[in-house]
Amino acid sequence: MQLRIDWENPYLTEEQTAAVAPGDLDDFYAAACPTDQLNLFFVLLNTCTRAQERGESAEEARLCFLMAYYLFVPLTPPGSWPLAQHYISRAVALDPCPQYRELQDLIFAGN
């Protein structure tokens, strides 16, 4: 899936959220300018906040997983480790699926 920043609508649809894979985040990071590399995190965060407010726990879990991955693997800003731990823990609390647990083990092992 090709990700892009839409300044007029800084959210992913539920379908886009379900379709985004970690590799898509890697591809976006590799191709984007530094500003958009950061902006993608805020699109994910906006979408996650909206899902949480709507009580859409499966979508919220997916977004927490994606944010944790993006913070820990390609983006790695200052403080990325505790933030990634927070978001992956939230994802696993909402949906303890194997994919989320595997990333949780990786993140908690550290860089």
PDB file of N, CA and C in Angstrom:
ATOM      1  N   MET A   1       0.846  -1.181   0.000  1.00  0.00           N
ATOM      2  CA  MET A   1       0.000   0.000   0.000  1.00  0.00           C
ATOM      3  C   MET A   1       0.881   1.229   0.000  1.00  0.00           C
ATOM      4  N   GLN A   2       0.543   2.206  -0.808  1.00  0.00           N
ATOM      5  CA  GLN A   2       1.315   3.441  -0.840  1.00  0.00           C
ATOM      6  C   GLN A   2       0.675   4.455   0.095  1.00  0.00           C
ATOM      7  N   LEU A   3       1.432   4.896   1.067  1.00  0.00           N
ATOM      8  CA  LEU A   3       0.954   5.882   2.035  1.00  0.00           C
ATOM      9  C   LEU A   3       1.270   7.284   1.544  1.00  0.00           C
ATOM     10  N   ARG A   4       0.413   8.227   1.932  1.00  0.00           N
ATOM     11  CA  ARG A   4       0.671   9.633   1.625  1.00  0.00           C
ATOM     12  C   ARG A   4       0.049  10.493   2.714  1.00  0.00           C
ATOM     13  N   ILE A   5       0.567  11.695   2.849  1.00  0.00           N
ATOM     14  CA  ILE A   5       0.061  12.649   3.832  1.00  0.00           C
ATOM     15  C   ILE A   5      -1.002  13.513   3.144  1.00  0.00           C
ATOM     16  N   ASP A   6      -2.189  13.548   3.716  1.00  0.00           N
ATOM     17  CA  ASP A   6      -3.272  14.398   3.211  1.00  0.00           C
ATOM     18  C   ASP A   6      -3.525  15.465   4.271  1.00  0.00           C
ATOM     19  N   TRP A   7      -3.058  16.669   4.009  1.00  0.00           N
ATOM     20  CA  TRP A   7      -3.145  17.748   5.003  1.00  0.00           C
ATOM     21  C   TRP A   7      -4.585  18.138   5.313  1.00  0.00           C
ATOM     22  N   GLU A   8      -5.491  17.930   4.384  1.00  0.00           N
ATOM     23  CA  GLU A   8      -6.887  18.286   4.607  1.00  0.00           C
ATOM     24  C   GLU A   8      -7.631  17.220   5.401  1.00  0.00           C
ATOM     25  N   ASN A   9      -7.116  16.003   5.397  1.00  0.00           N
ATOM     26  CA  ASN A   9      -7.746  14.906   6.121  1.00  0.00           C
ATOM     27  C   ASN A   9      -6.631  14.015   6.687  1.00  0.00           C
ATOM     28  N   PRO A  10      -6.064  14.407   7.822  1.00  0.00           N
ATOM     29  CA  PRO A  10      -4.897  13.696   8.352  1.00  0.00           C
ATOM     30  C   PRO A  10      -5.244  12.409   9.103  1.00  0.00           C
ATOM     31  N   TYR A  11      -5.997  11.556   8.444  1.00  0.00           N
ATOM     32  CA  TYR A  11      -6.424  10.287   9.018  1.00  0.00           C
ATOM     33  C   TYR A  11      -6.321   9.206   7.954  1.00  0.00           C
ATOM     34  N   LEU A  12      -6.170   7.972   8.408  1.00  0.00           N
ATOM     35  CA  LEU A  12      -6.317   6.818   7.523  1.00  0.00           C
ATOM     36  C   LEU A  12      -7.750   6.317   7.654  1.00  0.00           C
ATOM     37  N   THR A  13      -8.268   5.747   6.597  1.00  0.00           N
ATOM     38  CA  THR A  13      -9.574   5.108   6.695  1.00  0.00           C
ATOM     39  C   THR A  13      -9.389   3.770   7.408  1.00  0.00           C
ATOM     40  N   GLU A  14     -10.490   3.183   7.822  1.00  0.00           N
ATOM     41  CA  GLU A  14     -10.427   1.870   8.459  1.00  0.00           C
ATOM     42  C   GLU A  14      -9.835   0.838   7.493  1.00  0.00           C
ATOM     43  N   GLU A  15     -10.165   0.946   6.224  1.00  0.00           N
ATOM     44  CA  GLU A  15      -9.641   0.030   5.215  1.00  0.00           C
ATOM     45  C   GLU A  15      -8.131   0.221   5.041  1.00  0.00           C
ATOM     46  N   GLN A  16      -7.682   1.481   5.015  1.00  0.00           N
ATOM     47  CA  GLN A  16      -6.251   1.747   4.900  1.00  0.00           C
ATOM     48  C   GLN A  16      -5.499   1.216   6.118  1.00  0.00           C
ATOM     49  N   THR A  17      -6.056   1.425   7.293  1.00  0.00           N
ATOM     50  CA  THR A  17      -5.424   0.937   8.519  1.00  0.00           C
ATOM     51  C   THR A  17      -5.238  -0.568   8.458  1.00  0.00           C
ATOM     52  N   ALA A  18      -6.249  -1.268   8.019  1.00  0.00           N
ATOM     53  CA  ALA A  18      -6.169  -2.732   7.935  1.00  0.00           C
ATOM     54  C   ALA A  18      -5.158  -3.181   6.881  1.00  0.00           C
ATOM     55  N   ALA A  19      -4.980  -2.375   5.836  1.00  0.00           N
ATOM     56  CA  ALA A  19      -4.110  -2.767   4.727  1.00  0.00           C
ATOM     57  C   ALA A  19      -2.636  -2.429   4.946  1.00  0.00           C
ATOM     58  N   VAL A  20      -2.342  -1.484   5.811  1.00  0.00           N
ATOM     59  CA  VAL A  20      -0.953  -1.063   6.013  1.00  0.00           C
ATOM     60  C   VAL A  20      -0.166  -2.186   6.691  1.00  0.00           C
ATOM     61  N   ALA A  21       0.979  -2.487   6.118  1.00  0.00           N
ATOM     62  CA  ALA A  21       1.890  -3.481   6.684  1.00  0.00           C
ATOM     63  C   ALA A  21       3.162  -2.768   7.147  1.00  0.00           C
ATOM     64  N   PRO A  22       3.907  -3.362   8.058  1.00  0.00           N
ATOM     65  CA  PRO A  22       5.164  -2.735   8.478  1.00  0.00           C
ATOM     66  C   PRO A  22       6.077  -2.370   7.310  1.00  0.00           C
ATOM     67  N   GLY A  23       6.123  -3.201   6.293  1.00  0.00           N
ATOM     68  CA  GLY A  23       6.954  -2.879   5.128  1.00  0.00           C
ATOM     69  C   GLY A  23       6.522  -1.611   4.425  1.00  0.00           C
ATOM     70  N   ASP A  24       5.216  -1.316   4.459  1.00  0.00           N
ATOM     71  CA  ASP A  24       4.719  -0.065   3.873  1.00  0.00           C
ATOM     72  C   ASP A  24       5.270   1.134   4.642  1.00  0.00           C
ATOM     73  N   LEU A  25       5.382   0.992   5.952  1.00  0.00           N
ATOM     74  CA  LEU A  25       5.947   2.069   6.765  1.00  0.00           C
ATOM     75  C   LEU A  25       7.428   2.263   6.442  1.00  0.00           C
ATOM     76  N   ASP A  26       8.143   1.148   6.263  1.00  0.00           N
ATOM     77  CA  ASP A  26       9.552   1.230   5.873  1.00  0.00           C
ATOM     78  C   ASP A  26       9.707   1.925   4.526  1.00  0.00           C
ATOM     79  N   ASP A  27       8.868   1.539   3.563  1.00  0.00           N
ATOM     80  CA  ASP A  27       8.932   2.130   2.227  1.00  0.00           C
ATOM     81  C   ASP A  27       8.633   3.621   2.263  1.00  0.00           C
ATOM     82  N   PHE A  28       7.617   4.010   3.034  1.00  0.00           N
ATOM     83  CA  PHE A  28       7.285   5.423   3.147  1.00  0.00           C
ATOM     84  C   PHE A  28       8.462   6.189   3.718  1.00  0.00           C
ATOM     85  N   TYR A  29       9.029   5.684   4.802  1.00  0.00           N
ATOM     86  CA  TYR A  29      10.150   6.357   5.462  1.00  0.00           C
ATOM     87  C   TYR A  29      11.321   6.544   4.493  1.00  0.00           C
ATOM     88  N   ALA A  30      11.633   5.510   3.733  1.00  0.00           N
ATOM     89  CA  ALA A  30      12.769   5.568   2.810  1.00  0.00           C
ATOM     90  C   ALA A  30      12.565   6.586   1.692  1.00  0.00           C
ATOM     91  N   ALA A  31      11.320   6.806   1.291  1.00  0.00           N
ATOM     92  CA  ALA A  31      11.041   7.693   0.159  1.00  0.00           C
ATOM     93  C   ALA A  31      10.661   9.119   0.562  1.00  0.00           C
ATOM     94  N   ALA A  32      10.264   9.330   1.802  1.00  0.00           N
ATOM     95  CA  ALA A  32       9.711  10.629   2.221  1.00  0.00           C
ATOM     96  C   ALA A  32      10.792  11.609   2.634  1.00  0.00           C
ATOM     97  N   CYS A  33      10.427  12.872   2.557  1.00  0.00           N
ATOM     98  CA  CYS A  33      11.307  13.913   3.085  1.00  0.00           C
ATOM     99  C   CYS A  33      11.266  13.852   4.616  1.00  0.00           C
ATOM    100  N   PRO A  34      12.257  14.415   5.306  1.00  0.00           N
ATOM    101  CA  PRO A  34      12.282  14.331   6.771  1.00  0.00           C
ATOM    102  C   PRO A  34      11.012  14.849   7.454  1.00  0.00           C
ATOM    103  N   THR A  35      10.415  15.886   6.918  1.00  0.00           N
ATOM    104  CA  THR A  35       9.194  16.411   7.526  1.00  0.00           C
ATOM    105  C   THR A  35       8.064  15.401   7.433  1.00  0.00           C
ATOM    106  N   ASP A  36       7.887  14.802   6.269  1.00  0.00           N
ATOM    107  CA  ASP A  36       6.810  13.822   6.119  1.00  0.00           C
ATOM    108  C   ASP A  36       7.110  12.531   6.873  1.00  0.00           C
ATOM    109  N   GLN A  37       8.372  12.206   7.067  1.00  0.00           N
ATOM    110  CA  GLN A  37       8.717  11.054   7.892  1.00  0.00           C
ATOM    111  C   GLN A  37       8.123  11.227   9.293  1.00  0.00           C
ATOM    112  N   LEU A  38       8.221  12.432   9.825  1.00  0.00           N
ATOM    113  CA  LEU A  38       7.627  12.733  11.135  1.00  0.00           C
ATOM    114  C   LEU A  38       6.117  12.859  11.053  1.00  0.00           C
ATOM    115  N   ASN A  39       5.638  13.494   9.990  1.00  0.00           N
ATOM    116  CA  ASN A  39       4.200  13.714   9.864  1.00  0.00           C
ATOM    117  C   ASN A  39       3.405  12.415   9.802  1.00  0.00           C
ATOM    118  N   LEU A  40       3.982  11.358   9.252  1.00  0.00           N
ATOM    119  CA  LEU A  40       3.254  10.093   9.192  1.00  0.00           C
ATOM    120  C   LEU A  40       2.917   9.600  10.592  1.00  0.00           C
ATOM    121  N   PHE A  41       3.819   9.790  11.531  1.00  0.00           N
ATOM    122  CA  PHE A  41       3.514   9.367  12.894  1.00  0.00           C
ATOM    123  C   PHE A  41       2.271  10.090  13.401  1.00  0.00           C
ATOM    124  N   PHE A  42       2.149  11.369  13.112  1.00  0.00           N
ATOM    125  CA  PHE A  42       1.001  12.132  13.596  1.00  0.00           C
ATOM    126  C   PHE A  42      -0.291  11.736  12.881  1.00  0.00           C
ATOM    127  N   VAL A  43      -0.203  11.314  11.641  1.00  0.00           N
ATOM    128  CA  VAL A  43      -1.384  10.769  10.953  1.00  0.00           C
ATOM    129  C   VAL A  43      -1.830   9.487  11.661  1.00  0.00           C
ATOM    130  N   LEU A  44      -0.871   8.620  11.980  1.00  0.00           N
ATOM    131  CA  LEU A  44      -1.202   7.393  12.718  1.00  0.00           C
ATOM    132  C   LEU A  44      -1.800   7.724  14.082  1.00  0.00           C
ATOM    133  N   LEU A  45      -1.210   8.683  14.780  1.00  0.00           N
ATOM    134  CA  LEU A  45      -1.701   9.078  16.107  1.00  0.00           C
ATOM    135  C   LEU A  45      -3.096   9.683  16.020  1.00  0.00           C
ATOM    136  N   ASN A  46      -3.333  10.555  15.057  1.00  0.00           N
ATOM    137  CA  ASN A  46      -4.675  11.129  14.872  1.00  0.00           C
ATOM    138  C   ASN A  46      -5.703  10.035  14.621  1.00  0.00           C
ATOM    139  N   THR A  47      -5.353   9.096  13.770  1.00  0.00           N
ATOM    140  CA  THR A  47      -6.272   8.015  13.429  1.00  0.00           C
ATOM    141  C   THR A  47      -6.527   7.131  14.641  1.00  0.00           C
ATOM    142  N   CYS A  48      -5.479   6.877  15.407  1.00  0.00           N
ATOM    143  CA  CYS A  48      -5.622   6.060  16.616  1.00  0.00           C
ATOM    144  C   CYS A  48      -6.521   6.749  17.640  1.00  0.00           C
ATOM    145  N   THR A  49      -6.326   8.026  17.828  1.00  0.00           N
ATOM    146  CA  THR A  49      -7.150   8.781  18.780  1.00  0.00           C
ATOM    147  C   THR A  49      -8.613   8.752  18.366  1.00  0.00           C
ATOM    148  N   ARG A  50      -8.867   8.894  17.081  1.00  0.00           N
ATOM    149  CA  ARG A  50     -10.246   8.834  16.578  1.00  0.00           C
ATOM    150  C   ARG A  50     -10.843   7.441  16.811  1.00  0.00           C
ATOM    151  N   ALA A  51     -10.069   6.400  16.545  1.00  0.00           N
ATOM    152  CA  ALA A  51     -10.562   5.032  16.766  1.00  0.00           C
ATOM    153  C   ALA A  51     -10.864   4.810  18.244  1.00  0.00           C
ATOM    154  N   GLN A  52     -10.004   5.307  19.116  1.00  0.00           N
ATOM    155  CA  GLN A  52     -10.222   5.164  20.562  1.00  0.00           C
ATOM    156  C   GLN A  52     -11.497   5.892  20.984  1.00  0.00           C
ATOM    157  N   GLU A  53     -11.683   7.102  20.497  1.00  0.00           N
ATOM    158  CA  GLU A  53     -12.881   7.875  20.843  1.00  0.00           C
ATOM    159  C   GLU A  53     -14.155   7.201  20.349  1.00  0.00           C
ATOM    160  N   ARG A  54     -14.074   6.479  19.266  1.00  0.00           N
ATOM    161  CA  ARG A  54     -15.240   5.790  18.698  1.00  0.00           C
ATOM    162  C   ARG A  54     -15.437   4.399  19.297  1.00  0.00           C
ATOM    163  N   GLY A  55     -14.513   3.976  20.133  1.00  0.00           N
ATOM    164  CA  GLY A  55     -14.618   2.662  20.739  1.00  0.00           C
ATOM    165  C   GLY A  55     -14.290   1.520  19.785  1.00  0.00           C
ATOM    166  N   GLU A  56     -13.502   1.819  18.760  1.00  0.00           N
ATOM    167  CA  GLU A  56     -13.129   0.818  17.763  1.00  0.00           C
ATOM    168  C   GLU A  56     -11.811   0.173  18.192  1.00  0.00           C
ATOM    169  N   SER A  57     -11.904  -0.782  19.114  1.00  0.00           N
ATOM    170  CA  SER A  57     -10.703  -1.328  19.750  1.00  0.00           C
ATOM    171  C   SER A  57      -9.809  -2.113  18.793  1.00  0.00           C
ATOM    172  N   ALA A  58     -10.364  -2.820  17.829  1.00  0.00           N
ATOM    173  CA  ALA A  58      -9.528  -3.564  16.879  1.00  0.00           C
ATOM    174  C   ALA A  58      -8.700  -2.608  16.027  1.00  0.00           C
ATOM    175  N   GLU A  59      -9.319  -1.529  15.577  1.00  0.00           N
ATOM    176  CA  GLU A  59      -8.590  -0.534  14.783  1.00  0.00           C
ATOM    177  C   GLU A  59      -7.563   0.181  15.659  1.00  0.00           C
ATOM    178  N   GLU A  60      -7.937   0.508  16.875  1.00  0.00           N
ATOM    179  CA  GLU A  60      -6.994   1.153  17.795  1.00  0.00           C
ATOM    180  C   GLU A  60      -5.788   0.247  18.034  1.00  0.00           C
ATOM    181  N   ALA A  61      -6.016  -1.042  18.244  1.00  0.00           N
ATOM    182  CA  ALA A  61      -4.913  -1.980  18.464  1.00  0.00           C
ATOM    183  C   ALA A  61      -3.988  -2.006  17.260  1.00  0.00           C
ATOM    184  N   ARG A  62      -4.566  -2.067  16.065  1.00  0.00           N
ATOM    185  CA  ARG A  62      -3.758  -2.090  14.840  1.00  0.00           C
ATOM    186  C   ARG A  62      -2.911  -0.829  14.729  1.00  0.00           C
ATOM    187  N   LEU A  63      -3.496   0.315  15.025  1.00  0.00           N
ATOM    188  CA  LEU A  63      -2.773   1.578  14.937  1.00  0.00           C
ATOM    189  C   LEU A  63      -1.680   1.673  16.002  1.00  0.00           C
ATOM    190  N   CYS A  64      -1.950   1.185  17.191  1.00  0.00           N
ATOM    191  CA  CYS A  64      -0.909   1.162  18.229  1.00  0.00           C
ATOM    192  C   CYS A  64       0.258   0.283  17.787  1.00  0.00           C
ATOM    193  N   PHE A  65      -0.047  -0.855  17.185  1.00  0.00           N
ATOM    194  CA  PHE A  65       0.987  -1.728  16.636  1.00  0.00           C
ATOM    195  C   PHE A  65       1.796  -0.992  15.576  1.00  0.00           C
ATOM    196  N   LEU A  66       1.122  -0.332  14.645  1.00  0.00           N
ATOM    197  CA  LEU A  66       1.816   0.387  13.574  1.00  0.00           C
ATOM    198  C   LEU A  66       2.666   1.528  14.122  1.00  0.00           C
ATOM    199  N   MET A  67       2.139   2.253  15.099  1.00  0.00           N
ATOM    200  CA  MET A  67       2.918   3.347  15.696  1.00  0.00           C
ATOM    201  C   MET A  67       4.147   2.811  16.411  1.00  0.00           C
ATOM    202  N   ALA A  68       3.985   1.724  17.161  1.00  0.00           N
ATOM    203  CA  ALA A  68       5.119   1.135  17.873  1.00  0.00           C
ATOM    204  C   ALA A  68       6.190   0.705  16.880  1.00  0.00           C
ATOM    205  N   TYR A  69       5.777   0.040  15.824  1.00  0.00           N
ATOM    206  CA  TYR A  69       6.733  -0.393  14.801  1.00  0.00           C
ATOM    207  C   TYR A  69       7.437   0.811  14.185  1.00  0.00           C
ATOM    208  N   TYR A  70       6.657   1.803  13.771  1.00  0.00           N
ATOM    209  CA  TYR A  70       7.226   2.971  13.088  1.00  0.00           C
ATOM    210  C   TYR A  70       8.200   3.713  14.003  1.00  0.00           C
ATOM    211  N   LEU A  71       7.846   3.860  15.260  1.00  0.00           N
ATOM    212  CA  LEU A  71       8.741   4.522  16.204  1.00  0.00           C
ATOM    213  C   LEU A  71      10.024   3.736  16.435  1.00  0.00           C
ATOM    214  N   PHE A  72       9.900   2.431  16.557  1.00  0.00           N
ATOM    215  CA  PHE A  72      11.035   1.603  16.958  1.00  0.00           C
ATOM    216  C   PHE A  72      11.956   1.214  15.805  1.00  0.00           C
ATOM    217  N   VAL A  73      11.399   1.024  14.619  1.00  0.00           N
ATOM    218  CA  VAL A  73      12.220   0.518  13.519  1.00  0.00           C
ATOM    219  C   VAL A  73      12.680   1.644  12.592  1.00  0.00           C
ATOM    220  N   PRO A  74      11.827   2.248  11.762  1.00  0.00           N
ATOM    221  CA  PRO A  74      12.392   3.236  10.844  1.00  0.00           C
ATOM    222  C   PRO A  74      12.611   4.632  11.444  1.00  0.00           C
ATOM    223  N   LEU A  75      11.693   5.143  12.225  1.00  0.00           N
ATOM    224  CA  LEU A  75      11.755   6.550  12.648  1.00  0.00           C
ATOM    225  C   LEU A  75      12.810   6.796  13.731  1.00  0.00           C
ATOM    226  N   THR A  76      12.766   6.051  14.785  1.00  0.00           N
ATOM    227  CA  THR A  76      13.687   6.127  15.932  1.00  0.00           C
ATOM    228  C   THR A  76      14.049   7.546  16.390  1.00  0.00           C
ATOM    229  N   PRO A  77      13.051   8.350  16.753  1.00  0.00           N
ATOM    230  CA  PRO A  77      13.354   9.681  17.295  1.00  0.00           C
ATOM    231  C   PRO A  77      13.867   9.545  18.729  1.00  0.00           C
ATOM    232  N   PRO A  78      14.332  10.636  19.328  1.00  0.00           N
ATOM    233  CA  PRO A  78      14.724  10.573  20.739  1.00  0.00           C
ATOM    234  C   PRO A  78      13.543  10.072  21.578  1.00  0.00           C
ATOM    235  N   GLY A  79      13.809   9.147  22.474  1.00  0.00           N
ATOM    236  CA  GLY A  79      12.751   8.610  23.323  1.00  0.00           C
ATOM    237  C   GLY A  79      11.881   7.583  22.628  1.00  0.00           C
ATOM    238  N   SER A  80      12.340   7.042  21.513  1.00  0.00           N
ATOM    239  CA  SER A  80      11.503   6.105  20.760  1.00  0.00           C
ATOM    240  C   SER A  80      11.252   4.806  21.514  1.00  0.00           C
ATOM    241  N   TRP A  81      12.210   4.343  22.286  1.00  0.00           N
ATOM    242  CA  TRP A  81      12.043   3.057  22.954  1.00  0.00           C
ATOM    243  C   TRP A  81      10.887   3.062  23.951  1.00  0.00           C
ATOM    244  N   PRO A  82      10.829   4.006  24.920  1.00  0.00           N
ATOM    245  CA  PRO A  82       9.688   3.977  25.839  1.00  0.00           C
ATOM    246  C   PRO A  82       8.350   4.247  25.143  1.00  0.00           C
ATOM    247  N   LEU A  83       8.361   5.085  24.121  1.00  0.00           N
ATOM    248  CA  LEU A  83       7.115   5.321  23.383  1.00  0.00           C
ATOM    249  C   LEU A  83       6.672   4.061  22.652  1.00  0.00           C
ATOM    250  N   ALA A  84       7.606   3.381  22.026  1.00  0.00           N
ATOM    251  CA  ALA A  84       7.267   2.136  21.334  1.00  0.00           C
ATOM    252  C   ALA A  84       6.771   1.096  22.333  1.00  0.00           C
ATOM    253  N   GLN A  85       7.387   1.017  23.501  1.00  0.00           N
ATOM    254  CA  GLN A  85       6.921   0.095  24.533  1.00  0.00           C
ATOM    255  C   GLN A  85       5.485   0.414  24.937  1.00  0.00           C
ATOM    256  N   HIS A  86       5.196   1.690  25.096  1.00  0.00           N
ATOM    257  CA  HIS A  86       3.838   2.109  25.473  1.00  0.00           C
ATOM    258  C   HIS A  86       2.817   1.663  24.429  1.00  0.00           C
ATOM    259  N   TYR A  87       3.089   1.973  23.171  1.00  0.00           N
ATOM    260  CA  TYR A  87       2.107   1.679  22.131  1.00  0.00           C
ATOM    261  C   TYR A  87       1.966   0.188  21.862  1.00  0.00           C
ATOM    262  N   ILE A  88       3.061  -0.571  21.927  1.00  0.00           N
ATOM    263  CA  ILE A  88       2.912  -2.003  21.693  1.00  0.00           C
ATOM    264  C   ILE A  88       2.220  -2.667  22.880  1.00  0.00           C
ATOM    265  N   SER A  89       2.440  -2.172  24.075  1.00  0.00           N
ATOM    266  CA  SER A  89       1.729  -2.720  25.236  1.00  0.00           C
ATOM    267  C   SER A  89       0.238  -2.464  25.111  1.00  0.00           C
ATOM    268  N   ARG A  90      -0.123  -1.303  24.626  1.00  0.00           N
ATOM    269  CA  ARG A  90      -1.533  -0.981  24.406  1.00  0.00           C
ATOM    270  C   ARG A  90      -2.131  -1.898  23.335  1.00  0.00           C
ATOM    271  N   ALA A  91      -1.391  -2.106  22.260  1.00  0.00           N
ATOM    272  CA  ALA A  91      -1.876  -2.985  21.196  1.00  0.00           C
ATOM    273  C   ALA A  91      -2.130  -4.389  21.723  1.00  0.00           C
ATOM    274  N   VAL A  92      -1.196  -4.919  22.486  1.00  0.00           N
ATOM    275  CA  VAL A  92      -1.333  -6.277  23.020  1.00  0.00           C
ATOM    276  C   VAL A  92      -2.465  -6.353  24.039  1.00  0.00           C
ATOM    277  N   ALA A  93      -2.653  -5.300  24.824  1.00  0.00           N
ATOM    278  CA  ALA A  93      -3.760  -5.289  25.783  1.00  0.00           C
ATOM    279  C   ALA A  93      -5.106  -5.336  25.064  1.00  0.00           C
ATOM    280  N   LEU A  94      -5.190  -4.680  23.926  1.00  0.00           N
ATOM    281  CA  LEU A  94      -6.433  -4.661  23.155  1.00  0.00           C
ATOM    282  C   LEU A  94      -6.626  -5.920  22.321  1.00  0.00           C
ATOM    283  N   ASP A  95      -5.524  -6.482  21.830  1.00  0.00           N
ATOM    284  CA  ASP A  95      -5.592  -7.665  20.961  1.00  0.00           C
ATOM    285  C   ASP A  95      -4.269  -8.421  21.076  1.00  0.00           C
ATOM    286  N   PRO A  96      -4.229  -9.478  21.878  1.00  0.00           N
ATOM    287  CA  PRO A  96      -2.972 -10.203  22.089  1.00  0.00           C
ATOM    288  C   PRO A  96      -2.631 -11.182  20.955  1.00  0.00           C
ATOM    289  N   CYS A  97      -2.770 -10.744  19.722  1.00  0.00           N
ATOM    290  CA  CYS A  97      -2.487 -11.627  18.582  1.00  0.00           C
ATOM    291  C   CYS A  97      -0.982 -11.870  18.461  1.00  0.00           C
ATOM    292  N   PRO A  98      -0.590 -12.956  17.795  1.00  0.00           N
ATOM    293  CA  PRO A  98       0.834 -13.295  17.683  1.00  0.00           C
ATOM    294  C   PRO A  98       1.700 -12.193  17.056  1.00  0.00           C
ATOM    295  N   GLN A  99       1.197 -11.516  16.042  1.00  0.00           N
ATOM    296  CA  GLN A  99       1.979 -10.462  15.385  1.00  0.00           C
ATOM    297  C   GLN A  99       2.323  -9.344  16.364  1.00  0.00           C
ATOM    298  N   TYR A 100       1.368  -8.945  17.191  1.00  0.00           N
ATOM    299  CA  TYR A 100       1.608  -7.869  18.143  1.00  0.00           C
ATOM    300  C   TYR A 100       2.541  -8.340  19.257  1.00  0.00           C
ATOM    301  N   ARG A 101       2.359  -9.571  19.724  1.00  0.00           N
ATOM    302  CA  ARG A 101       3.225 -10.125  20.782  1.00  0.00           C
ATOM    303  C   ARG A 101       4.670 -10.269  20.301  1.00  0.00           C
ATOM    304  N   GLU A 102       4.842 -10.655  19.050  1.00  0.00           N
ATOM    305  CA  GLU A 102       6.191 -10.796  18.495  1.00  0.00           C
ATOM    306  C   GLU A 102       6.910  -9.450  18.479  1.00  0.00           C
ATOM    307  N   LEU A 103       6.207  -8.403  18.052  1.00  0.00           N
ATOM    308  CA  LEU A 103       6.820  -7.074  18.063  1.00  0.00           C
ATOM    309  C   LEU A 103       7.076  -6.620  19.491  1.00  0.00           C
ATOM    310  N   GLN A 104       6.184  -6.943  20.406  1.00  0.00           N
ATOM    311  CA  GLN A 104       6.379  -6.578  21.803  1.00  0.00           C
ATOM    312  C   GLN A 104       7.677  -7.202  22.338  1.00  0.00           C
ATOM    313  N   ASP A 105       7.900  -8.467  22.041  1.00  0.00           N
ATOM    314  CA  ASP A 105       9.140  -9.130  22.491  1.00  0.00           C
ATOM    315  C   ASP A 105      10.368  -8.425  21.910  1.00  0.00           C
ATOM    316  N   LEU A 106      10.311  -8.073  20.640  1.00  0.00           N
ATOM    317  CA  LEU A 106      11.417  -7.384  19.984  1.00  0.00           C
ATOM    318  C   LEU A 106      11.681  -6.022  20.624  1.00  0.00           C
ATOM    319  N   ILE A 107      10.616  -5.263  20.831  1.00  0.00           N
ATOM    320  CA  ILE A 107      10.776  -3.922  21.400  1.00  0.00           C
ATOM    321  C   ILE A 107      11.302  -3.994  22.829  1.00  0.00           C
ATOM    322  N   PHE A 108      10.743  -4.877  23.630  1.00  0.00           N
ATOM    323  CA  PHE A 108      11.174  -4.954  25.030  1.00  0.00           C
ATOM    324  C   PHE A 108      12.604  -5.473  25.162  1.00  0.00           C
ATOM    325  N   ALA A 109      13.112  -6.173  24.138  1.00  0.00           N
ATOM    326  CA  ALA A 109      14.508  -6.618  24.142  1.00  0.00           C
ATOM    327  C   ALA A 109      15.450  -5.431  23.902  1.00  0.00           C
ATOM    328  N   GLY A 110      14.942  -4.356  23.314  1.00  0.00           N
ATOM    329  CA  GLY A 110      15.731  -3.134  23.099  1.00  0.00           C
ATOM    330  C   GLY A 110      16.446  -3.128  21.780  1.00  0.00           C
ATOM    331  N   ASN A 111      17.110  -2.009  21.529  1.00  0.00           N
ATOM    332  CA  ASN A 111      17.836  -1.824  20.258  1.00  0.00           C
ATOM    333  C   ASN A 111      19.159  -2.561  20.310  1.00  0.00           C
TER     334      ASN A 111
END
